[in-house]
Amino acid sequence: AKSPSMKKPAKSLLRDARRTAASAWNLMGLLNEESGKPDGAKSALECYERAIAWAGTRPERSGEVVGGAGEGIPDAEWNSLWGNYVRVRDTVSSQSSTT
């Protein structure tokens, strides 16, 4: 952070690493969701939570999962991650309320 010549490459590397981690967790969520296993949706939700944690900003208020898309995360990518999370969160919530 103190090196002017390394600051920009380090910032870009961190951004790319966050996007890669978010993408990997999102793909794991999709695989868990499609697995057909009884706990597949719950496992998928955990993966999606990790994906949005990597791609998002810290929440401004307690009780929020994430504050929004992080720096360098395109809106289309964020909307896809958030959509997967919300869809499975609602599925898991409805499954737990019926049992």
PDB file of N, CA and C in Angstrom:
ATOM      1  N   ALA A   1       0.820  -1.204   0.000  1.00  0.00           N
ATOM      2  CA  ALA A   1       0.000   0.000   0.000  1.00  0.00           C
ATOM      3  C   ALA A   1       0.858   1.260   0.000  1.00  0.00           C
ATOM      4  N   LYS A   2       2.073   1.155   0.510  1.00  0.00           N
ATOM      5  CA  LYS A   2       2.929   2.336   0.585  1.00  0.00           C
ATOM      6  C   LYS A   2       3.778   2.531  -0.663  1.00  0.00           C
ATOM      7  N   SER A   3       3.869   1.519  -1.496  1.00  0.00           N
ATOM      8  CA  SER A   3       4.692   1.604  -2.694  1.00  0.00           C
ATOM      9  C   SER A   3       3.867   2.144  -3.853  1.00  0.00           C
ATOM     10  N   PRO A   4       4.208   3.343  -4.348  1.00  0.00           N
ATOM     11  CA  PRO A   4       3.437   3.914  -5.455  1.00  0.00           C
ATOM     12  C   PRO A   4       3.449   3.041  -6.712  1.00  0.00           C
ATOM     13  N   SER A   5       4.552   2.369  -6.965  1.00  0.00           N
ATOM     14  CA  SER A   5       4.644   1.554  -8.177  1.00  0.00           C
ATOM     15  C   SER A   5       3.869   0.242  -8.069  1.00  0.00           C
ATOM     16  N   MET A   6       3.631  -0.218  -6.862  1.00  0.00           N
ATOM     17  CA  MET A   6       2.936  -1.495  -6.676  1.00  0.00           C
ATOM     18  C   MET A   6       1.466  -1.331  -6.301  1.00  0.00           C
ATOM     19  N   LYS A   7       1.048  -0.137  -5.955  1.00  0.00           N
ATOM     20  CA  LYS A   7      -0.312   0.071  -5.470  1.00  0.00           C
ATOM     21  C   LYS A   7      -1.369  -0.304  -6.512  1.00  0.00           C
ATOM     22  N   LYS A   8      -1.217   0.184  -7.731  1.00  0.00           N
ATOM     23  CA  LYS A   8      -2.212  -0.107  -8.769  1.00  0.00           C
ATOM     24  C   LYS A   8      -2.239  -1.591  -9.139  1.00  0.00           C
ATOM     25  N   PRO A   9      -1.086  -2.237  -9.392  1.00  0.00           N
ATOM     26  CA  PRO A   9      -1.145  -3.677  -9.705  1.00  0.00           C
ATOM     27  C   PRO A   9      -1.716  -4.505  -8.548  1.00  0.00           C
ATOM     28  N   ALA A  10      -1.386  -4.141  -7.326  1.00  0.00           N
ATOM     29  CA  ALA A  10      -1.899  -4.887  -6.173  1.00  0.00           C
ATOM     30  C   ALA A  10      -3.415  -4.729  -6.059  1.00  0.00           C
ATOM     31  N   LYS A  11      -3.903  -3.533  -6.299  1.00  0.00           N
ATOM     32  CA  LYS A  11      -5.340  -3.268  -6.233  1.00  0.00           C
ATOM     33  C   LYS A  11      -6.067  -4.065  -7.322  1.00  0.00           C
ATOM     34  N   SER A  12      -5.493  -4.106  -8.515  1.00  0.00           N
ATOM     35  CA  SER A  12      -6.090  -4.873  -9.613  1.00  0.00           C
ATOM     36  C   SER A  12      -6.074  -6.367  -9.320  1.00  0.00           C
ATOM     37  N   LEU A  13      -4.979  -6.842  -8.750  1.00  0.00           N
ATOM     38  CA  LEU A  13      -4.871  -8.256  -8.407  1.00  0.00           C
ATOM     39  C   LEU A  13      -5.901  -8.644  -7.348  1.00  0.00           C
ATOM     40  N   LEU A  14      -6.081  -7.809  -6.345  1.00  0.00           N
ATOM     41  CA  LEU A  14      -7.069  -8.075  -5.308  1.00  0.00           C
ATOM     42  C   LEU A  14      -8.475  -8.097  -5.898  1.00  0.00           C
ATOM     43  N   ARG A  15      -8.783  -7.145  -6.765  1.00  0.00           N
ATOM     44  CA  ARG A  15     -10.096  -7.095  -7.413  1.00  0.00           C
ATOM     45  C   ARG A  15     -10.346  -8.379  -8.198  1.00  0.00           C
ATOM     46  N   ASP A  16      -9.353  -8.793  -8.988  1.00  0.00           N
ATOM     47  CA  ASP A  16      -9.505 -10.002  -9.790  1.00  0.00           C
ATOM     48  C   ASP A  16      -9.632 -11.253  -8.921  1.00  0.00           C
ATOM     49  N   ALA A  17      -8.901 -11.302  -7.835  1.00  0.00           N
ATOM     50  CA  ALA A  17      -8.983 -12.447  -6.926  1.00  0.00           C
ATOM     51  C   ALA A  17     -10.361 -12.522  -6.272  1.00  0.00           C
ATOM     52  N   ARG A  18     -10.916 -11.371  -5.895  1.00  0.00           N
ATOM     53  CA  ARG A  18     -12.260 -11.347  -5.307  1.00  0.00           C
ATOM     54  C   ARG A  18     -13.302 -11.821  -6.309  1.00  0.00           C
ATOM     55  N   ARG A  19     -13.180 -11.362  -7.559  1.00  0.00           N
ATOM     56  CA  ARG A  19     -14.130 -11.779  -8.593  1.00  0.00           C
ATOM     57  C   ARG A  19     -14.010 -13.270  -8.859  1.00  0.00           C
ATOM     58  N   THR A  20     -12.793 -13.791  -8.864  1.00  0.00           N
ATOM     59  CA  THR A  20     -12.572 -15.217  -9.100  1.00  0.00           C
ATOM     60  C   THR A  20     -13.164 -16.048  -7.961  1.00  0.00           C
ATOM     61  N   ALA A  21     -12.942 -15.623  -6.733  1.00  0.00           N
ATOM     62  CA  ALA A  21     -13.501 -16.345  -5.581  1.00  0.00           C
ATOM     63  C   ALA A  21     -15.025 -16.316  -5.622  1.00  0.00           C
ATOM     64  N   ALA A  22     -15.598 -15.165  -5.942  1.00  0.00           N
ATOM     65  CA  ALA A  22     -17.059 -15.051  -6.023  1.00  0.00           C
ATOM     66  C   ALA A  22     -17.602 -15.969  -7.110  1.00  0.00           C
ATOM     67  N   SER A  23     -16.935 -15.999  -8.237  1.00  0.00           N
ATOM     68  CA  SER A  23     -17.370 -16.850  -9.348  1.00  0.00           C
ATOM     69  C   SER A  23     -17.284 -18.329  -8.970  1.00  0.00           C
ATOM     70  N   ALA A  24     -16.218 -18.708  -8.300  1.00  0.00           N
ATOM     71  CA  ALA A  24     -16.058 -20.098  -7.881  1.00  0.00           C
ATOM     72  C   ALA A  24     -17.152 -20.510  -6.902  1.00  0.00           C
ATOM     73  N   TRP A  25     -17.450 -19.672  -5.923  1.00  0.00           N
ATOM     74  CA  TRP A  25     -18.504 -19.991  -4.959  1.00  0.00           C
ATOM     75  C   TRP A  25     -19.867 -20.031  -5.627  1.00  0.00           C
ATOM     76  N   ASN A  26     -20.090 -19.141  -6.590  1.00  0.00           N
ATOM     77  CA  ASN A  26     -21.349 -19.142  -7.314  1.00  0.00           C
ATOM     78  C   ASN A  26     -21.516 -20.448  -8.094  1.00  0.00           C
ATOM     79  N   LEU A  27     -20.460 -20.892  -8.758  1.00  0.00           N
ATOM     80  CA  LEU A  27     -20.524 -22.154  -9.494  1.00  0.00           C
ATOM     81  C   LEU A  27     -20.753 -23.342  -8.559  1.00  0.00           C
ATOM     82  N   MET A  28     -20.123 -23.313  -7.396  1.00  0.00           N
ATOM     83  CA  MET A  28     -20.358 -24.385  -6.415  1.00  0.00           C
ATOM     84  C   MET A  28     -21.827 -24.379  -5.972  1.00  0.00           C
ATOM     85  N   GLY A  29     -22.381 -23.191  -5.818  1.00  0.00           N
ATOM     86  CA  GLY A  29     -23.795 -23.092  -5.464  1.00  0.00           C
ATOM     87  C   GLY A  29     -24.689 -23.698  -6.532  1.00  0.00           C
ATOM     88  N   LEU A  30     -24.391 -23.391  -7.793  1.00  0.00           N
ATOM     89  CA  LEU A  30     -25.174 -23.962  -8.891  1.00  0.00           C
ATOM     90  C   LEU A  30     -25.083 -25.489  -8.898  1.00  0.00           C
ATOM     91  N   LEU A  31     -23.877 -26.019  -8.688  1.00  0.00           N
ATOM     92  CA  LEU A  31     -23.702 -27.471  -8.655  1.00  0.00           C
ATOM     93  C   LEU A  31     -24.473 -28.101  -7.497  1.00  0.00           C
ATOM     94  N   ASN A  32     -24.419 -27.474  -6.333  1.00  0.00           N
ATOM     95  CA  ASN A  32     -25.166 -28.001  -5.180  1.00  0.00           C
ATOM     96  C   ASN A  32     -26.667 -27.935  -5.416  1.00  0.00           C
ATOM     97  N   GLU A  33     -27.109 -26.863  -6.035  1.00  0.00           N
ATOM     98  CA  GLU A  33     -28.531 -26.685  -6.308  1.00  0.00           C
ATOM     99  C   GLU A  33     -29.041 -27.756  -7.273  1.00  0.00           C
ATOM    100  N   GLU A  34     -28.243 -28.096  -8.260  1.00  0.00           N
ATOM    101  CA  GLU A  34     -28.640 -29.063  -9.285  1.00  0.00           C
ATOM    102  C   GLU A  34     -28.347 -30.509  -8.890  1.00  0.00           C
ATOM    103  N   SER A  35     -27.730 -30.716  -7.739  1.00  0.00           N
ATOM    104  CA  SER A  35     -27.315 -32.063  -7.347  1.00  0.00           C
ATOM    105  C   SER A  35     -28.483 -33.002  -7.081  1.00  0.00           C
ATOM    106  N   GLY A  36     -29.632 -32.453  -6.717  1.00  0.00           N
ATOM    107  CA  GLY A  36     -30.775 -33.293  -6.402  1.00  0.00           C
ATOM    108  C   GLY A  36     -30.732 -33.871  -5.002  1.00  0.00           C
ATOM    109  N   LYS A  37     -29.711 -33.531  -4.242  1.00  0.00           N
ATOM    110  CA  LYS A  37     -29.606 -34.034  -2.876  1.00  0.00           C
ATOM    111  C   LYS A  37     -30.614 -33.296  -1.989  1.00  0.00           C
ATOM    112  N   PRO A  38     -31.079 -33.950  -0.920  1.00  0.00           N
ATOM    113  CA  PRO A  38     -32.061 -33.314  -0.040  1.00  0.00           C
ATOM    114  C   PRO A  38     -31.582 -31.992   0.573  1.00  0.00           C
ATOM    115  N   ASP A  39     -30.302 -31.908   0.876  1.00  0.00           N
ATOM    116  CA  ASP A  39     -29.770 -30.678   1.471  1.00  0.00           C
ATOM    117  C   ASP A  39     -29.078 -29.792   0.433  1.00  0.00           C
ATOM    118  N   GLY A  40     -29.352 -30.043  -0.847  1.00  0.00           N
ATOM    119  CA  GLY A  40     -28.704 -29.301  -1.928  1.00  0.00           C
ATOM    120  C   GLY A  40     -28.982 -27.808  -1.881  1.00  0.00           C
ATOM    121  N   ALA A  41     -30.219 -27.427  -1.602  1.00  0.00           N
ATOM    122  CA  ALA A  41     -30.569 -26.004  -1.558  1.00  0.00           C
ATOM    123  C   ALA A  41     -29.866 -25.307  -0.393  1.00  0.00           C
ATOM    124  N   LYS A  42     -29.785 -25.969   0.738  1.00  0.00           N
ATOM    125  CA  LYS A  42     -29.118 -25.366   1.894  1.00  0.00           C
ATOM    126  C   LYS A  42     -27.626 -25.203   1.635  1.00  0.00           C
ATOM    127  N   SER A  43     -27.015 -26.209   1.038  1.00  0.00           N
ATOM    128  CA  SER A  43     -25.595 -26.116   0.679  1.00  0.00           C
ATOM    129  C   SER A  43     -25.371 -25.023  -0.358  1.00  0.00           C
ATOM    130  N   ALA A  44     -26.288 -24.935  -1.322  1.00  0.00           N
ATOM    131  CA  ALA A  44     -26.190 -23.899  -2.352  1.00  0.00           C
ATOM    132  C   ALA A  44     -26.281 -22.516  -1.719  1.00  0.00           C
ATOM    133  N   LEU A  45     -27.180 -22.360  -0.763  1.00  0.00           N
ATOM    134  CA  LEU A  45     -27.332 -21.067  -0.095  1.00  0.00           C
ATOM    135  C   LEU A  45     -26.038 -20.652   0.589  1.00  0.00           C
ATOM    136  N   GLU A  46     -25.386 -21.576   1.246  1.00  0.00           N
ATOM    137  CA  GLU A  46     -24.111 -21.270   1.901  1.00  0.00           C
ATOM    138  C   GLU A  46     -23.074 -20.824   0.871  1.00  0.00           C
ATOM    139  N   CYS A  47     -23.051 -21.470  -0.273  1.00  0.00           N
ATOM    140  CA  CYS A  47     -22.113 -21.082  -1.335  1.00  0.00           C
ATOM    141  C   CYS A  47     -22.435 -19.696  -1.869  1.00  0.00           C
ATOM    142  N   TYR A  48     -23.714 -19.431  -2.105  1.00  0.00           N
ATOM    143  CA  TYR A  48     -24.116 -18.116  -2.614  1.00  0.00           C
ATOM    144  C   TYR A  48     -23.815 -17.012  -1.598  1.00  0.00           C
ATOM    145  N   GLU A  49     -23.979 -17.322  -0.316  1.00  0.00           N
ATOM    146  CA  GLU A  49     -23.631 -16.337   0.715  1.00  0.00           C
ATOM    147  C   GLU A  49     -22.149 -15.989   0.642  1.00  0.00           C
ATOM    148  N   ARG A  50     -21.324 -16.988   0.439  1.00  0.00           N
ATOM    149  CA  ARG A  50     -19.884 -16.740   0.326  1.00  0.00           C
ATOM    150  C   ARG A  50     -19.564 -15.964  -0.947  1.00  0.00           C
ATOM    151  N   ALA A  51     -20.280 -16.266  -2.022  1.00  0.00           N
ATOM    152  CA  ALA A  51     -20.054 -15.561  -3.289  1.00  0.00           C
ATOM    153  C   ALA A  51     -20.352 -14.072  -3.137  1.00  0.00           C
ATOM    154  N   ILE A  52     -21.483 -13.747  -2.514  1.00  0.00           N
ATOM    155  CA  ILE A  52     -21.806 -12.325  -2.382  1.00  0.00           C
ATOM    156  C   ILE A  52     -20.921 -11.651  -1.346  1.00  0.00           C
ATOM    157  N   ALA A  53     -20.430 -12.420  -0.382  1.00  0.00           N
ATOM    158  CA  ALA A  53     -19.487 -11.835   0.581  1.00  0.00           C
ATOM    159  C   ALA A  53     -18.190 -11.433  -0.120  1.00  0.00           C
ATOM    160  N   TRP A  54     -17.726 -12.258  -1.060  1.00  0.00           N
ATOM    161  CA  TRP A  54     -16.508 -11.940  -1.795  1.00  0.00           C
ATOM    162  C   TRP A  54     -16.723 -10.791  -2.769  1.00  0.00           C
ATOM    163  N   ALA A  55     -17.894 -10.736  -3.384  1.00  0.00           N
ATOM    164  CA  ALA A  55     -18.147  -9.729  -4.428  1.00  0.00           C
ATOM    165  C   ALA A  55     -18.726  -8.439  -3.886  1.00  0.00           C
ATOM    166  N   GLY A  56     -19.206  -8.456  -2.651  1.00  0.00           N
ATOM    167  CA  GLY A  56     -19.900  -7.294  -2.106  1.00  0.00           C
ATOM    168  C   GLY A  56     -19.066  -6.445  -1.180  1.00  0.00           C
ATOM    169  N   THR A  57     -19.716  -5.406  -0.688  1.00  0.00           N
ATOM    170  CA  THR A  57     -19.105  -4.523   0.296  1.00  0.00           C
ATOM    171  C   THR A  57     -19.641  -4.879   1.673  1.00  0.00           C
ATOM    172  N   ARG A  58     -18.995  -4.413   2.667  1.00  0.00           N
ATOM    173  CA  ARG A  58     -19.456  -4.670   4.032  1.00  0.00           C
ATOM    174  C   ARG A  58     -20.779  -3.942   4.271  1.00  0.00           C
ATOM    175  N   PRO A  59     -21.674  -4.571   5.025  1.00  0.00           N
ATOM    176  CA  PRO A  59     -22.963  -3.929   5.285  1.00  0.00           C
ATOM    177  C   PRO A  59     -22.805  -2.659   6.113  1.00  0.00           C
ATOM    178  N   GLU A  60     -23.662  -1.689   5.830  1.00  0.00           N
ATOM    179  CA  GLU A  60     -23.644  -0.446   6.591  1.00  0.00           C
ATOM    180  C   GLU A  60     -24.435  -0.582   7.886  1.00  0.00           C
ATOM    181  N   ARG A  61     -25.437  -1.459   7.880  1.00  0.00           N
ATOM    182  CA  ARG A  61     -26.263  -1.669   9.068  1.00  0.00           C
ATOM    183  C   ARG A  61     -26.178  -3.117   9.502  1.00  0.00           C
ATOM    184  N   SER A  62     -26.283  -3.349  10.777  1.00  0.00           N
ATOM    185  CA  SER A  62     -26.262  -4.732  11.250  1.00  0.00           C
ATOM    186  C   SER A  62     -27.540  -5.428  10.792  1.00  0.00           C
ATOM    187  N   GLY A  63     -27.429  -6.698  10.543  1.00  0.00           N
ATOM    188  CA  GLY A  63     -28.564  -7.470  10.071  1.00  0.00           C
ATOM    189  C   GLY A  63     -28.603  -7.596   8.555  1.00  0.00           C
ATOM    190  N   GLU A  64     -27.838  -6.775   7.859  1.00  0.00           N
ATOM    191  CA  GLU A  64     -27.774  -6.891   6.406  1.00  0.00           C
ATOM    192  C   GLU A  64     -26.716  -7.923   6.042  1.00  0.00           C
ATOM    193  N   VAL A  65     -26.939  -8.617   4.947  1.00  0.00           N
ATOM    194  CA  VAL A  65     -25.969  -9.614   4.495  1.00  0.00           C
ATOM    195  C   VAL A  65     -24.781  -8.916   3.856  1.00  0.00           C
ATOM    196  N   VAL A  66     -25.070  -7.933   3.026  1.00  0.00           N
ATOM    197  CA  VAL A  66     -24.020  -7.241   2.287  1.00  0.00           C
ATOM    198  C   VAL A  66     -24.529  -5.855   1.932  1.00  0.00           C
ATOM    199  N   GLY A  67     -23.600  -4.924   1.769  1.00  0.00           N
ATOM    200  CA  GLY A  67     -23.988  -3.559   1.455  1.00  0.00           C
ATOM    201  C   GLY A  67     -24.288  -3.314  -0.006  1.00  0.00           C
ATOM    202  N   GLY A  68     -23.701  -4.072  -0.905  1.00  0.00           N
ATOM    203  CA  GLY A  68     -23.882  -3.905  -2.341  1.00  0.00           C
ATOM    204  C   GLY A  68     -22.660  -4.421  -3.074  1.00  0.00           C
ATOM    205  N   ALA A  69     -22.643  -4.184  -4.377  1.00  0.00           N
ATOM    206  CA  ALA A  69     -21.532  -4.660  -5.204  1.00  0.00           C
ATOM    207  C   ALA A  69     -20.234  -3.974  -4.797  1.00  0.00           C
ATOM    208  N   GLY A  70     -19.178  -4.748  -4.745  1.00  0.00           N
ATOM    209  CA  GLY A  70     -17.867  -4.211  -4.414  1.00  0.00           C
ATOM    210  C   GLY A  70     -17.247  -3.504  -5.602  1.00  0.00           C
ATOM    211  N   GLU A  71     -16.159  -2.827  -5.336  1.00  0.00           N
ATOM    212  CA  GLU A  71     -15.448  -2.093  -6.382  1.00  0.00           C
ATOM    213  C   GLU A  71     -14.967  -3.039  -7.477  1.00  0.00           C
ATOM    214  N   GLY A  72     -15.248  -2.677  -8.716  1.00  0.00           N
ATOM    215  CA  GLY A  72     -14.802  -3.476  -9.848  1.00  0.00           C
ATOM    216  C   GLY A  72     -15.716  -4.635 -10.201  1.00  0.00           C
ATOM    217  N   ILE A  73     -16.836  -4.786  -9.509  1.00  0.00           N
ATOM    218  CA  ILE A  73     -17.785  -5.852  -9.814  1.00  0.00           C
ATOM    219  C   ILE A  73     -18.846  -5.280 -10.752  1.00  0.00           C
ATOM    220  N   PRO A  74     -18.908  -5.759 -11.990  1.00  0.00           N
ATOM    221  CA  PRO A  74     -19.914  -5.250 -12.931  1.00  0.00           C
ATOM    222  C   PRO A  74     -21.335  -5.508 -12.429  1.00  0.00           C
ATOM    223  N   ASP A  75     -22.246  -4.605 -12.770  1.00  0.00           N
ATOM    224  CA  ASP A  75     -23.636  -4.737 -12.326  1.00  0.00           C
ATOM    225  C   ASP A  75     -24.256  -6.065 -12.758  1.00  0.00           C
ATOM    226  N   ALA A  76     -24.001  -6.489 -13.986  1.00  0.00           N
ATOM    227  CA  ALA A  76     -24.584  -7.745 -14.474  1.00  0.00           C
ATOM    228  C   ALA A  76     -24.108  -8.933 -13.627  1.00  0.00           C
ATOM    229  N   GLU A  77     -22.835  -8.922 -13.269  1.00  0.00           N
ATOM    230  CA  GLU A  77     -22.282  -9.998 -12.446  1.00  0.00           C
ATOM    231  C   GLU A  77     -22.900  -9.977 -11.050  1.00  0.00           C
ATOM    232  N   TRP A  78     -22.993  -8.789 -10.470  1.00  0.00           N
ATOM    233  CA  TRP A  78     -23.588  -8.639  -9.143  1.00  0.00           C
ATOM    234  C   TRP A  78     -25.042  -9.088  -9.146  1.00  0.00           C
ATOM    235  N   ASN A  79     -25.797  -8.658 -10.148  1.00  0.00           N
ATOM    236  CA  ASN A  79     -27.216  -9.007 -10.220  1.00  0.00           C
ATOM    237  C   ASN A  79     -27.409 -10.514 -10.330  1.00  0.00           C
ATOM    238  N   SER A  80     -26.527 -11.181 -11.049  1.00  0.00           N
ATOM    239  CA  SER A  80     -26.593 -12.636 -11.162  1.00  0.00           C
ATOM    240  C   SER A  80     -26.322 -13.301  -9.811  1.00  0.00           C
ATOM    241  N   LEU A  81     -25.265 -12.851  -9.128  1.00  0.00           N
ATOM    242  CA  LEU A  81     -24.933 -13.408  -7.811  1.00  0.00           C
ATOM    243  C   LEU A  81     -26.069 -13.168  -6.818  1.00  0.00           C
ATOM    244  N   TRP A  82     -26.558 -11.941  -6.793  1.00  0.00           N
ATOM    245  CA  TRP A  82     -27.618 -11.576  -5.848  1.00  0.00           C
ATOM    246  C   TRP A  82     -28.906 -12.341  -6.166  1.00  0.00           C
ATOM    247  N   GLY A  83     -29.221 -12.478  -7.437  1.00  0.00           N
ATOM    248  CA  GLY A  83     -30.424 -13.209  -7.841  1.00  0.00           C
ATOM    249  C   GLY A  83     -30.380 -14.664  -7.407  1.00  0.00           C
ATOM    250  N   ASN A  84     -29.230 -15.305  -7.579  1.00  0.00           N
ATOM    251  CA  ASN A  84     -29.084 -16.695  -7.128  1.00  0.00           C
ATOM    252  C   ASN A  84     -29.268 -16.794  -5.622  1.00  0.00           C
ATOM    253  N   TYR A  85     -28.646 -15.877  -4.901  1.00  0.00           N
ATOM    254  CA  TYR A  85     -28.757 -15.890  -3.437  1.00  0.00           C
ATOM    255  C   TYR A  85     -30.209 -15.731  -2.988  1.00  0.00           C
ATOM    256  N   VAL A  86     -30.890 -14.737  -3.524  1.00  0.00           N
ATOM    257  CA  VAL A  86     -32.273 -14.456  -3.108  1.00  0.00           C
ATOM    258  C   VAL A  86     -33.195 -15.618  -3.460  1.00  0.00           C
ATOM    259  N   ARG A  87     -33.042 -16.168  -4.658  1.00  0.00           N
ATOM    260  CA  ARG A  87     -33.893 -17.282  -5.093  1.00  0.00           C
ATOM    261  C   ARG A  87     -33.757 -18.472  -4.138  1.00  0.00           C
ATOM    262  N   VAL A  88     -32.530 -18.846  -3.819  1.00  0.00           N
ATOM    263  CA  VAL A  88     -32.320 -20.022  -2.967  1.00  0.00           C
ATOM    264  C   VAL A  88     -32.647 -19.706  -1.513  1.00  0.00           C
ATOM    265  N   ARG A  89     -32.370 -18.478  -1.081  1.00  0.00           N
ATOM    266  CA  ARG A  89     -32.744 -18.090   0.290  1.00  0.00           C
ATOM    267  C   ARG A  89     -34.242 -18.251   0.489  1.00  0.00           C
ATOM    268  N   ASP A  90     -35.024 -17.803  -0.489  1.00  0.00           N
ATOM    269  CA  ASP A  90     -36.473 -17.911  -0.384  1.00  0.00           C
ATOM    270  C   ASP A  90     -36.932 -19.375  -0.414  1.00  0.00           C
ATOM    271  N   THR A  91     -36.263 -20.188  -1.225  1.00  0.00           N
ATOM    272  CA  THR A  91     -36.580 -21.616  -1.300  1.00  0.00           C
ATOM    273  C   THR A  91     -36.300 -22.293   0.034  1.00  0.00           C
ATOM    274  N   VAL A  92     -35.135 -22.032   0.595  1.00  0.00           N
ATOM    275  CA  VAL A  92     -34.776 -22.642   1.878  1.00  0.00           C
ATOM    276  C   VAL A  92     -35.712 -22.156   2.977  1.00  0.00           C
ATOM    277  N   SER A  93     -36.048 -20.892   2.939  1.00  0.00           N
ATOM    278  CA  SER A  93     -36.957 -20.323   3.940  1.00  0.00           C
ATOM    279  C   SER A  93     -38.338 -20.986   3.865  1.00  0.00           C
ATOM    280  N   SER A  94     -38.843 -21.180   2.656  1.00  0.00           N
ATOM    281  CA  SER A  94     -40.164 -21.807   2.513  1.00  0.00           C
ATOM    282  C   SER A  94     -40.120 -23.286   2.906  1.00  0.00           C
ATOM    283  N   GLN A  95     -39.010 -23.955   2.640  1.00  0.00           N
ATOM    284  CA  GLN A  95     -38.872 -25.356   3.029  1.00  0.00           C
ATOM    285  C   GLN A  95     -38.829 -25.499   4.542  1.00  0.00           C
ATOM    286  N   SER A  96     -38.145 -24.591   5.216  1.00  0.00           N
ATOM    287  CA  SER A  96     -38.043 -24.693   6.672  1.00  0.00           C
ATOM    288  C   SER A  96     -39.342 -24.301   7.364  1.00  0.00           C
ATOM    289  N   SER A  97     -40.151 -23.462   6.724  1.00  0.00           N
ATOM    290  CA  SER A  97     -41.409 -23.059   7.355  1.00  0.00           C
ATOM    291  C   SER A  97     -42.489 -24.121   7.179  1.00  0.00           C
ATOM    292  N   THR A  98     -42.328 -25.017   6.203  1.00  0.00           N
ATOM    293  CA  THR A  98     -43.302 -26.082   5.996  1.00  0.00           C
ATOM    294  C   THR A  98     -42.990 -27.317   6.820  1.00  0.00           C
ATOM    295  N   THR A  99     -41.794 -27.379   7.381  1.00  0.00           N
ATOM    296  CA  THR A  99     -41.436 -28.576   8.178  1.00  0.00           C
ATOM    297  C   THR A  99     -41.635 -28.348   9.631  1.00  0.00           C
TER     298      THR A  99
END
